């Protein structure tokens, strides 16, 4: 269950980011995947970005460093973090050609959260075969909203504020201990105290 919540958290990061590598901004992000809704805060600074999300009663932070090809998932209350490799398959919903993209067609123009956007229909091939998604791009190519045609997921930016972001937002904080991702073999070697702290974190997120 913790792994599922991490997937949703990382999805929030990846769905917008690669199109905005030259930008600096903050925004509120609403991500929906099936019956789960996540409200997050995103901070972007070139090829570095960060999301802060509430999951259950706990908080999770994801820091993506495209320059290092790594993702850090932080559990602030437990002073722990997990590390995952940043791979191209996690970029679905980007402005630039997505992995497996077959076609992209402009089908109209709509206003999303007060921003005039071009609406596109995108066809792409994934592990489960061919799928379709909509994408709403602003005039400066920000993906303000992306959504699966079948309604299985959507993600949307609100309250976008352009401006320089503090560099410390995109660094690992001091005093955090690295832990293995859920389900990885490294969990077998965890000492009881660390395992307890991780379990407390999972409980706080409603797992």
C-alpha atoms as a PDB file:
ATOM      1  CA  UNK A   1       0.000   0.000   0.000  1.00  0.00           C
ATOM      2  CA  UNK A   2       2.866   2.370   0.749  1.00  0.00           C
ATOM      3  CA  UNK A   3       4.279   1.579  -2.676  1.00  0.00           C
ATOM      4  CA  UNK A   4       0.930   2.570  -4.234  1.00  0.00           C
ATOM      5  CA  UNK A   5       0.953   5.941  -2.466  1.00  0.00           C
ATOM      6  CA  UNK A   6       4.521   6.550  -3.651  1.00  0.00           C
ATOM      7  CA  UNK A   7       3.456   5.798  -7.236  1.00  0.00           C
ATOM      8  CA  UNK A   8       0.754   8.488  -7.018  1.00  0.00           C
ATOM      9  CA  UNK A   9       3.209  10.936  -5.466  1.00  0.00           C
ATOM     10  CA  UNK A  10       5.807  10.391  -8.174  1.00  0.00           C
ATOM     11  CA  UNK A  11       3.146  10.576 -10.892  1.00  0.00           C
ATOM     12  CA  UNK A  12       2.355  14.078  -9.668  1.00  0.00           C
ATOM     13  CA  UNK A  13       6.001  15.047 -10.202  1.00  0.00           C
ATOM     14  CA  UNK A  14       6.511  13.491 -13.597  1.00  0.00           C
ATOM     15  CA  UNK A  15       3.291  14.440 -15.338  1.00  0.00           C
ATOM     16  CA  UNK A  16       4.284  18.074 -15.786  1.00  0.00           C
ATOM     17  CA  UNK A  17       7.956  18.461 -15.358  1.00  0.00           C
ATOM     18  CA  UNK A  18       9.992  17.814 -18.485  1.00  0.00           C
ATOM     19  CA  UNK A  19       8.209  20.482 -20.504  1.00  0.00           C
ATOM     20  CA  UNK A  20       9.264  23.155 -18.024  1.00  0.00           C
ATOM     21  CA  UNK A  21      12.999  22.554 -17.621  1.00  0.00           C
ATOM     22  CA  UNK A  22      13.829  26.190 -18.412  1.00  0.00           C
ATOM     23  CA  UNK A  23      11.209  27.567 -15.999  1.00  0.00           C
ATOM     24  CA  UNK A  24      11.021  28.430 -12.315  1.00  0.00           C
ATOM     25  CA  UNK A  25       7.642  28.491 -10.603  1.00  0.00           C
ATOM     26  CA  UNK A  26       5.454  27.120  -7.824  1.00  0.00           C
ATOM     27  CA  UNK A  27       1.921  25.756  -8.222  1.00  0.00           C
ATOM     28  CA  UNK A  28      -0.834  23.794  -6.530  1.00  0.00           C
ATOM     29  CA  UNK A  29      -1.427  20.428  -8.198  1.00  0.00           C
ATOM     30  CA  UNK A  30      -4.496  18.182  -8.021  1.00  0.00           C
ATOM     31  CA  UNK A  31      -3.879  14.593  -9.124  1.00  0.00           C
ATOM     32  CA  UNK A  32      -6.610  11.966  -9.444  1.00  0.00           C
ATOM     33  CA  UNK A  33      -5.995   8.272 -10.043  1.00  0.00           C
ATOM     34  CA  UNK A  34      -9.150   6.148  -9.950  1.00  0.00           C
ATOM     35  CA  UNK A  35     -10.687   6.826  -6.505  1.00  0.00           C
ATOM     36  CA  UNK A  36      -7.624   8.507  -5.021  1.00  0.00           C
ATOM     37  CA  UNK A  37      -7.182  12.295  -5.042  1.00  0.00           C
ATOM     38  CA  UNK A  38      -3.974  14.008  -3.995  1.00  0.00           C
ATOM     39  CA  UNK A  39      -3.471  17.730  -3.433  1.00  0.00           C
ATOM     40  CA  UNK A  40       0.159  18.743  -3.692  1.00  0.00           C
ATOM     41  CA  UNK A  41       2.403  21.773  -3.831  1.00  0.00           C
ATOM     42  CA  UNK A  42       4.978  21.786  -6.640  1.00  0.00           C
ATOM     43  CA  UNK A  43       8.198  23.775  -6.904  1.00  0.00           C
ATOM     44  CA  UNK A  44      10.150  23.834 -10.187  1.00  0.00           C
ATOM     45  CA  UNK A  45      13.646  25.114 -10.895  1.00  0.00           C
ATOM     46  CA  UNK A  46      14.939  24.044 -14.303  1.00  0.00           C
ATOM     47  CA  UNK A  47      15.675  20.303 -14.217  1.00  0.00           C
ATOM     48  CA  UNK A  48      14.940  20.049 -10.482  1.00  0.00           C
ATOM     49  CA  UNK A  49      11.493  19.869  -8.928  1.00  0.00           C
ATOM     50  CA  UNK A  50       9.779  19.069  -5.674  1.00  0.00           C
ATOM     51  CA  UNK A  51       6.268  18.095  -4.567  1.00  0.00           C
ATOM     52  CA  UNK A  52       4.871  18.171  -1.041  1.00  0.00           C
ATOM     53  CA  UNK A  53       1.778  16.045  -0.397  1.00  0.00           C
ATOM     54  CA  UNK A  54      -0.442  14.939   2.460  1.00  0.00           C
ATOM     55  CA  UNK A  55      -1.115  11.189   2.426  1.00  0.00           C
ATOM     56  CA  UNK A  56      -3.516  10.046   5.141  1.00  0.00           C
ATOM     57  CA  UNK A  57      -2.300  11.658   8.367  1.00  0.00           C
ATOM     58  CA  UNK A  58       1.287  11.875   7.171  1.00  0.00           C
ATOM     59  CA  UNK A  59       3.318  13.974   4.781  1.00  0.00           C
ATOM     60  CA  UNK A  60       5.523  12.904   1.907  1.00  0.00           C
ATOM     61  CA  UNK A  61       7.941  14.949  -0.136  1.00  0.00           C
ATOM     62  CA  UNK A  62       9.381  13.942  -3.505  1.00  0.00           C
ATOM     63  CA  UNK A  63      12.488  15.633  -4.899  1.00  0.00           C
ATOM     64  CA  UNK A  64      13.301  14.871  -8.524  1.00  0.00           C
ATOM     65  CA  UNK A  65      16.810  15.617  -9.782  1.00  0.00           C
ATOM     66  CA  UNK A  66      16.906  15.079 -13.529  1.00  0.00           C
ATOM     67  CA  UNK A  67      20.538  16.241 -13.493  1.00  0.00           C
ATOM     68  CA  UNK A  68      21.384  13.276 -11.264  1.00  0.00           C
ATOM     69  CA  UNK A  69      18.714  10.953 -12.771  1.00  0.00           C
ATOM     70  CA  UNK A  70      17.374  10.228  -9.294  1.00  0.00           C
ATOM     71  CA  UNK A  71      14.218  10.672  -7.211  1.00  0.00           C
ATOM     72  CA  UNK A  72      14.206  11.032  -3.433  1.00  0.00           C
ATOM     73  CA  UNK A  73      11.013  10.295  -1.478  1.00  0.00           C
ATOM     74  CA  UNK A  74      11.178  11.871   1.985  1.00  0.00           C
ATOM     75  CA  UNK A  75       9.249  10.935   5.126  1.00  0.00           C
ATOM     76  CA  UNK A  76       9.778  14.104   7.228  1.00  0.00           C
ATOM     77  CA  UNK A  77       8.279  12.839  10.483  1.00  0.00           C
ATOM     78  CA  UNK A  78      10.546   9.778  10.486  1.00  0.00           C
ATOM     79  CA  UNK A  79      13.613  11.620   9.115  1.00  0.00           C
ATOM     80  CA  UNK A  80      13.937   8.942   6.428  1.00  0.00           C
ATOM     81  CA  UNK A  81      14.176   8.935   2.646  1.00  0.00           C
ATOM     82  CA  UNK A  82      14.009   6.406  -0.184  1.00  0.00           C
ATOM     83  CA  UNK A  83      15.826   6.654  -3.509  1.00  0.00           C
ATOM     84  CA  UNK A  84      14.607   5.618  -6.946  1.00  0.00           C
ATOM     85  CA  UNK A  85      16.211   5.859 -10.358  1.00  0.00           C
ATOM     86  CA  UNK A  86      14.624   8.391 -12.720  1.00  0.00           C
ATOM     87  CA  UNK A  87      13.722   6.565 -15.938  1.00  0.00           C
ATOM     88  CA  UNK A  88      12.052   7.713 -19.208  1.00  0.00           C
ATOM     89  CA  UNK A  89       8.986   5.502 -18.671  1.00  0.00           C
ATOM     90  CA  UNK A  90       7.894   7.826 -15.837  1.00  0.00           C
ATOM     91  CA  UNK A  91       7.350  10.801 -18.115  1.00  0.00           C
ATOM     92  CA  UNK A  92       3.802  10.178 -19.363  1.00  0.00           C
ATOM     93  CA  UNK A  93       1.836  13.372 -19.838  1.00  0.00           C
ATOM     94  CA  UNK A  94       4.787  15.557 -20.865  1.00  0.00           C
ATOM     95  CA  UNK A  95       4.617  18.254 -23.500  1.00  0.00           C
ATOM     96  CA  UNK A  96       7.418  16.746 -25.533  1.00  0.00           C
ATOM     97  CA  UNK A  97       6.866  13.390 -27.192  1.00  0.00           C
ATOM     98  CA  UNK A  98       5.952  10.880 -24.507  1.00  0.00           C
ATOM     99  CA  UNK A  99       7.367   7.333 -24.448  1.00  0.00           C
ATOM    100  CA  UNK A 100       5.378   5.276 -26.945  1.00  0.00           C
ATOM    101  CA  UNK A 101       3.593   8.305 -28.389  1.00  0.00           C
ATOM    102  CA  UNK A 102       1.964   7.487 -31.723  1.00  0.00           C
ATOM    103  CA  UNK A 103       0.211  10.732 -32.596  1.00  0.00           C
ATOM    104  CA  UNK A 104      -0.709  14.176 -31.299  1.00  0.00           C
ATOM    105  CA  UNK A 105      -3.617  16.209 -32.725  1.00  0.00           C
ATOM    106  CA  UNK A 106      -4.844  19.651 -31.750  1.00  0.00           C
ATOM    107  CA  UNK A 107      -8.621  19.421 -31.298  1.00  0.00           C
ATOM    108  CA  UNK A 108      -9.596  22.784 -29.851  1.00  0.00           C
ATOM    109  CA  UNK A 109      -8.908  25.604 -27.461  1.00  0.00           C
ATOM    110  CA  UNK A 110     -10.223  25.923 -23.897  1.00  0.00           C
ATOM    111  CA  UNK A 111      -9.640  28.016 -20.794  1.00  0.00           C
ATOM    112  CA  UNK A 112      -8.309  26.089 -17.776  1.00  0.00           C
ATOM    113  CA  UNK A 113      -8.120  27.947 -14.456  1.00  0.00           C
ATOM    114  CA  UNK A 114      -8.215  31.246 -16.303  1.00  0.00           C
ATOM    115  CA  UNK A 115      -5.441  30.274 -18.752  1.00  0.00           C
ATOM    116  CA  UNK A 116      -6.086  29.982 -22.497  1.00  0.00           C
ATOM    117  CA  UNK A 117      -4.907  26.529 -23.607  1.00  0.00           C
ATOM    118  CA  UNK A 118      -4.643  24.469 -26.765  1.00  0.00           C
ATOM    119  CA  UNK A 119      -6.263  21.057 -26.272  1.00  0.00           C
ATOM    120  CA  UNK A 120      -4.570  17.995 -27.780  1.00  0.00           C
ATOM    121  CA  UNK A 121      -5.585  14.366 -28.235  1.00  0.00           C
ATOM    122  CA  UNK A 122      -2.568  12.080 -27.804  1.00  0.00           C
ATOM    123  CA  UNK A 123      -2.372   8.397 -28.718  1.00  0.00           C
ATOM    124  CA  UNK A 124       0.413   6.353 -27.122  1.00  0.00           C
ATOM    125  CA  UNK A 125       1.408   2.734 -26.607  1.00  0.00           C
ATOM    126  CA  UNK A 126       2.100   1.435 -23.107  1.00  0.00           C
ATOM    127  CA  UNK A 127       2.477  -1.897 -21.349  1.00  0.00           C
ATOM    128  CA  UNK A 128      -1.278  -2.511 -21.652  1.00  0.00           C
ATOM    129  CA  UNK A 129      -1.498  -1.605 -25.325  1.00  0.00           C
ATOM    130  CA  UNK A 130      -2.674   1.577 -27.008  1.00  0.00           C
ATOM    131  CA  UNK A 131      -4.199   4.351 -24.885  1.00  0.00           C
ATOM    132  CA  UNK A 132      -5.377   7.924 -25.365  1.00  0.00           C
ATOM    133  CA  UNK A 133      -5.075  11.087 -23.309  1.00  0.00           C
ATOM    134  CA  UNK A 134      -5.994  14.759 -23.482  1.00  0.00           C
ATOM    135  CA  UNK A 135      -3.557  17.547 -22.785  1.00  0.00           C
ATOM    136  CA  UNK A 136      -4.147  21.284 -22.348  1.00  0.00           C
ATOM    137  CA  UNK A 137      -1.090  23.435 -23.106  1.00  0.00           C
ATOM    138  CA  UNK A 138      -0.743  27.127 -22.345  1.00  0.00           C
ATOM    139  CA  UNK A 139       0.767  29.553 -24.850  1.00  0.00           C
ATOM    140  CA  UNK A 140       4.228  29.053 -23.341  1.00  0.00           C
ATOM    141  CA  UNK A 141       3.800  25.262 -23.452  1.00  0.00           C
ATOM    142  CA  UNK A 142       2.940  24.589 -19.819  1.00  0.00           C
ATOM    143  CA  UNK A 143       0.836  21.424 -19.459  1.00  0.00           C
ATOM    144  CA  UNK A 144      -1.862  23.038 -17.317  1.00  0.00           C
ATOM    145  CA  UNK A 145      -3.961  19.878 -17.373  1.00  0.00           C
ATOM    146  CA  UNK A 146      -3.553  16.277 -18.575  1.00  0.00           C
ATOM    147  CA  UNK A 147      -6.150  13.502 -18.396  1.00  0.00           C
ATOM    148  CA  UNK A 148      -6.677   9.955 -19.612  1.00  0.00           C
ATOM    149  CA  UNK A 149      -9.459   9.580 -22.151  1.00  0.00           C
ATOM    150  CA  UNK A 150     -10.993   6.771 -20.058  1.00  0.00           C
ATOM    151  CA  UNK A 151     -11.029   8.947 -16.928  1.00  0.00           C
ATOM    152  CA  UNK A 152      -8.589   6.723 -15.014  1.00  0.00           C
ATOM    153  CA  UNK A 153      -6.298   9.636 -14.119  1.00  0.00           C
ATOM    154  CA  UNK A 154      -5.953  13.390 -14.406  1.00  0.00           C
ATOM    155  CA  UNK A 155      -3.621  16.048 -13.095  1.00  0.00           C
ATOM    156  CA  UNK A 156      -4.032  19.816 -13.075  1.00  0.00           C
ATOM    157  CA  UNK A 157      -2.019  22.868 -12.044  1.00  0.00           C
ATOM    158  CA  UNK A 158      -3.589  25.817 -10.219  1.00  0.00           C
ATOM    159  CA  UNK A 159      -2.301  29.078  -8.718  1.00  0.00           C
ATOM    160  CA  UNK A 160       0.824  29.101 -10.882  1.00  0.00           C
ATOM    161  CA  UNK A 161       3.373  31.652  -9.654  1.00  0.00           C
ATOM    162  CA  UNK A 162       6.485  32.277 -11.732  1.00  0.00           C
ATOM    163  CA  UNK A 163       9.695  33.222  -9.954  1.00  0.00           C
ATOM    164  CA  UNK A 164      13.017  31.949  -8.615  1.00  0.00           C
ATOM    165  CA  UNK A 165      12.798  29.085  -6.104  1.00  0.00           C
ATOM    166  CA  UNK A 166      15.139  28.506  -3.100  1.00  0.00           C
ATOM    167  CA  UNK A 167      17.896  26.029  -3.955  1.00  0.00           C
ATOM    168  CA  UNK A 168      17.573  24.179  -0.625  1.00  0.00           C
ATOM    169  CA  UNK A 169      14.146  22.873  -1.678  1.00  0.00           C
ATOM    170  CA  UNK A 170      15.871  20.496  -4.100  1.00  0.00           C
ATOM    171  CA  UNK A 171      18.532  19.083  -1.784  1.00  0.00           C
ATOM    172  CA  UNK A 172      18.399  16.211   0.700  1.00  0.00           C
ATOM    173  CA  UNK A 173      17.997  17.670   4.213  1.00  0.00           C
ATOM    174  CA  UNK A 174      20.612  16.830   6.811  1.00  0.00           C
ATOM    175  CA  UNK A 175      19.973  14.090   9.348  1.00  0.00           C
ATOM    176  CA  UNK A 176      17.828  11.856   7.097  1.00  0.00           C
ATOM    177  CA  UNK A 177      18.532   8.127   6.902  1.00  0.00           C
ATOM    178  CA  UNK A 178      18.322   6.245   3.594  1.00  0.00           C
ATOM    179  CA  UNK A 179      15.857   3.341   3.532  1.00  0.00           C
ATOM    180  CA  UNK A 180      15.061   0.735   0.824  1.00  0.00           C
ATOM    181  CA  UNK A 181      11.961   1.153  -1.343  1.00  0.00           C
ATOM    182  CA  UNK A 182       8.980  -1.016  -0.212  1.00  0.00           C
ATOM    183  CA  UNK A 183       9.220  -4.564  -1.494  1.00  0.00           C
ATOM    184  CA  UNK A 184      12.955  -4.349  -2.211  1.00  0.00           C
ATOM    185  CA  UNK A 185      15.294  -7.039  -0.912  1.00  0.00           C
ATOM    186  CA  UNK A 186      17.164  -4.437   1.144  1.00  0.00           C
ATOM    187  CA  UNK A 187      14.295  -4.377   3.644  1.00  0.00           C
ATOM    188  CA  UNK A 188      15.402  -7.780   4.910  1.00  0.00           C
ATOM    189  CA  UNK A 189      18.521  -6.240   6.402  1.00  0.00           C
ATOM    190  CA  UNK A 190      16.781  -3.422   8.273  1.00  0.00           C
ATOM    191  CA  UNK A 191      17.284  -3.277  12.006  1.00  0.00           C
ATOM    192  CA  UNK A 192      14.148  -3.433  14.195  1.00  0.00           C
ATOM    193  CA  UNK A 193      14.271   0.244  15.200  1.00  0.00           C
ATOM    194  CA  UNK A 194      14.374   1.437  11.577  1.00  0.00           C
ATOM    195  CA  UNK A 195      11.652  -0.997  10.570  1.00  0.00           C
ATOM    196  CA  UNK A 196       9.449   0.320  13.383  1.00  0.00           C
ATOM    197  CA  UNK A 197       9.929   3.917  12.264  1.00  0.00           C
ATOM    198  CA  UNK A 198       9.032   2.999   8.686  1.00  0.00           C
ATOM    199  CA  UNK A 199       5.919   1.146   9.853  1.00  0.00           C
ATOM    200  CA  UNK A 200       4.898   4.200  11.886  1.00  0.00           C
ATOM    201  CA  UNK A 201       5.247   6.297   8.760  1.00  0.00           C
ATOM    202  CA  UNK A 202       3.069   3.891   6.793  1.00  0.00           C
ATOM    203  CA  UNK A 203       0.437   3.956   9.515  1.00  0.00           C
ATOM    204  CA  UNK A 204       0.448   7.754   9.509  1.00  0.00           C
ATOM    205  CA  UNK A 205      -0.354   7.676   5.795  1.00  0.00           C
ATOM    206  CA  UNK A 206      -3.334   5.413   6.387  1.00  0.00           C
ATOM    207  CA  UNK A 207      -1.627   2.252   5.138  1.00  0.00           C
END
